[in-house]
Amino acid sequence: MEAAYRVAKGILFVAGFTGAGLVLWAVVAPDEARRKEMAKEFADATPQVLTERQKHNAMVMEILKEAAKTDENVAHKPWPWKK
């Protein structure tokens, strides 16, 4: 009977702290309006950064396509890759 009591006590202990954590998270988390405001202020959302990121992603995809066509170990090629 002692073991069942300890198991029940442990389960209630974990459930209590989990519930307290969820309540604190709900209190501290920003609401929907604040989240939208934060997204607008995000520094990486500028057109210049987005264009730069698109160019970088295109270059990475080109390298991956070229690497898929060859048996050469492209991990040991010097960076940046020049054709």
C-alpha atoms as a PDB file:
ATOM      1  CA  MET A   1       0.000   0.000   0.000  1.00  0.00           C
ATOM      2  CA  GLU A   2       2.918   2.289   0.689  1.00  0.00           C
ATOM      3  CA  ALA A   3       4.107   1.927  -2.921  1.00  0.00           C
ATOM      4  CA  ALA A   4       0.700   2.894  -4.335  1.00  0.00           C
ATOM      5  CA  TYR A   5       0.626   5.954  -2.077  1.00  0.00           C
ATOM      6  CA  ARG A   6       4.102   7.022  -3.245  1.00  0.00           C
ATOM      7  CA  VAL A   7       3.168   6.527  -6.912  1.00  0.00           C
ATOM      8  CA  ALA A   8      -0.046   8.535  -6.498  1.00  0.00           C
ATOM      9  CA  LYS A   9       1.829  11.260  -4.640  1.00  0.00           C
ATOM     10  CA  GLY A  10       4.464  11.410  -7.404  1.00  0.00           C
ATOM     11  CA  ILE A  11       1.839  11.624 -10.142  1.00  0.00           C
ATOM     12  CA  LEU A  12       0.034  14.442  -8.331  1.00  0.00           C
ATOM     13  CA  PHE A  13       3.339  16.230  -7.754  1.00  0.00           C
ATOM     14  CA  VAL A  14       4.251  16.100 -11.467  1.00  0.00           C
ATOM     15  CA  ALA A  15       0.720  17.054 -12.537  1.00  0.00           C
ATOM     16  CA  GLY A  16       0.698  19.996 -10.133  1.00  0.00           C
ATOM     17  CA  PHE A  17       3.970  21.423 -11.381  1.00  0.00           C
ATOM     18  CA  THR A  18       2.939  20.849 -15.002  1.00  0.00           C
ATOM     19  CA  GLY A  19      -0.313  22.714 -14.386  1.00  0.00           C
ATOM     20  CA  ALA A  20       1.513  25.556 -12.655  1.00  0.00           C
ATOM     21  CA  GLY A  21       3.915  25.798 -15.584  1.00  0.00           C
ATOM     22  CA  LEU A  22       1.073  25.951 -18.091  1.00  0.00           C
ATOM     23  CA  VAL A  23      -0.684  28.675 -16.104  1.00  0.00           C
ATOM     24  CA  LEU A  24       2.502  30.738 -15.910  1.00  0.00           C
ATOM     25  CA  TRP A  25       3.096  30.247 -19.634  1.00  0.00           C
ATOM     26  CA  ALA A  26      -0.441  31.448 -20.418  1.00  0.00           C
ATOM     27  CA  VAL A  27       0.040  34.526 -18.218  1.00  0.00           C
ATOM     28  CA  VAL A  28       3.437  35.489 -19.651  1.00  0.00           C
ATOM     29  CA  ALA A  29       2.845  34.669 -23.344  1.00  0.00           C
ATOM     30  CA  PRO A  30       2.000  37.664 -25.552  1.00  0.00           C
ATOM     31  CA  ASP A  31      -1.498  37.933 -26.966  1.00  0.00           C
ATOM     32  CA  GLU A  32      -2.282  37.791 -30.693  1.00  0.00           C
ATOM     33  CA  ALA A  33      -2.056  41.571 -31.225  1.00  0.00           C
ATOM     34  CA  ARG A  34       1.346  41.735 -29.526  1.00  0.00           C
ATOM     35  CA  ARG A  35       2.597  38.774 -31.597  1.00  0.00           C
ATOM     36  CA  LYS A  36       1.585  40.527 -34.826  1.00  0.00           C
ATOM     37  CA  GLU A  37       3.292  43.729 -33.662  1.00  0.00           C
ATOM     38  CA  MET A  38       6.468  41.794 -32.837  1.00  0.00           C
ATOM     39  CA  ALA A  39       6.415  40.133 -36.270  1.00  0.00           C
ATOM     40  CA  LYS A  40       6.248  43.546 -37.961  1.00  0.00           C
ATOM     41  CA  GLU A  41       9.264  44.749 -35.984  1.00  0.00           C
ATOM     42  CA  PHE A  42      11.310  41.674 -36.890  1.00  0.00           C
ATOM     43  CA  ALA A  43      14.572  42.946 -38.408  1.00  0.00           C
ATOM     44  CA  ASP A  44      15.003  40.116 -40.931  1.00  0.00           C
ATOM     45  CA  ALA A  45      11.734  40.933 -42.662  1.00  0.00           C
ATOM     46  CA  THR A  46      13.198  43.761 -44.761  1.00  0.00           C
ATOM     47  CA  PRO A  47      13.130  43.326 -48.557  1.00  0.00           C
ATOM     48  CA  GLN A  48      16.927  43.553 -48.754  1.00  0.00           C
ATOM     49  CA  VAL A  49      17.427  40.685 -46.307  1.00  0.00           C
ATOM     50  CA  LEU A  50      14.751  38.588 -48.003  1.00  0.00           C
ATOM     51  CA  THR A  51      16.399  39.079 -51.415  1.00  0.00           C
ATOM     52  CA  GLU A  52      19.789  38.172 -49.987  1.00  0.00           C
ATOM     53  CA  ARG A  53      18.329  35.049 -48.379  1.00  0.00           C
ATOM     54  CA  GLN A  54      16.686  34.018 -51.675  1.00  0.00           C
ATOM     55  CA  LYS A  55      20.009  34.365 -53.507  1.00  0.00           C
ATOM     56  CA  HIS A  56      21.781  32.314 -50.845  1.00  0.00           C
ATOM     57  CA  ASN A  57      19.122  29.587 -50.983  1.00  0.00           C
ATOM     58  CA  ALA A  58      19.365  29.483 -54.783  1.00  0.00           C
ATOM     59  CA  MET A  59      23.150  29.111 -54.568  1.00  0.00           C
ATOM     60  CA  VAL A  60      22.843  26.295 -52.035  1.00  0.00           C
ATOM     61  CA  MET A  61      20.305  24.482 -54.221  1.00  0.00           C
ATOM     62  CA  GLU A  62      22.612  24.845 -57.238  1.00  0.00           C
ATOM     63  CA  ILE A  63      25.495  23.361 -55.242  1.00  0.00           C
ATOM     64  CA  LEU A  64      23.322  20.485 -54.054  1.00  0.00           C
ATOM     65  CA  LYS A  65      22.165  19.730 -57.597  1.00  0.00           C
ATOM     66  CA  GLU A  66      25.746  19.757 -58.853  1.00  0.00           C
ATOM     67  CA  ALA A  67      26.861  17.568 -55.954  1.00  0.00           C
ATOM     68  CA  ALA A  68      24.124  15.059 -56.745  1.00  0.00           C
ATOM     69  CA  LYS A  69      25.441  14.714 -60.307  1.00  0.00           C
ATOM     70  CA  THR A  70      29.046  13.936 -59.332  1.00  0.00           C
ATOM     71  CA  ASP A  71      30.845  11.254 -57.333  1.00  0.00           C
ATOM     72  CA  GLU A  72      33.339  13.806 -56.001  1.00  0.00           C
ATOM     73  CA  ASN A  73      33.275  14.594 -52.291  1.00  0.00           C
ATOM     74  CA  VAL A  74      32.048  18.184 -52.378  1.00  0.00           C
ATOM     75  CA  ALA A  75      32.506  18.615 -48.624  1.00  0.00           C
ATOM     76  CA  HIS A  76      36.255  18.988 -49.157  1.00  0.00           C
ATOM     77  CA  LYS A  77      36.023  21.624 -51.883  1.00  0.00           C
ATOM     78  CA  PRO A  78      37.163  25.123 -50.885  1.00  0.00           C
ATOM     79  CA  TRP A  79      34.425  27.621 -50.110  1.00  0.00           C
ATOM     80  CA  PRO A  80      32.973  29.490 -51.928  1.00  0.00           C
ATOM     81  CA  TRP A  81      32.442  27.097 -54.774  1.00  0.00           C
ATOM     82  CA  LYS A  82      33.527  28.578 -58.074  1.00  0.00           C
ATOM     83  CA  LYS A  83      32.692  27.027 -61.416  1.00  0.00           C
END
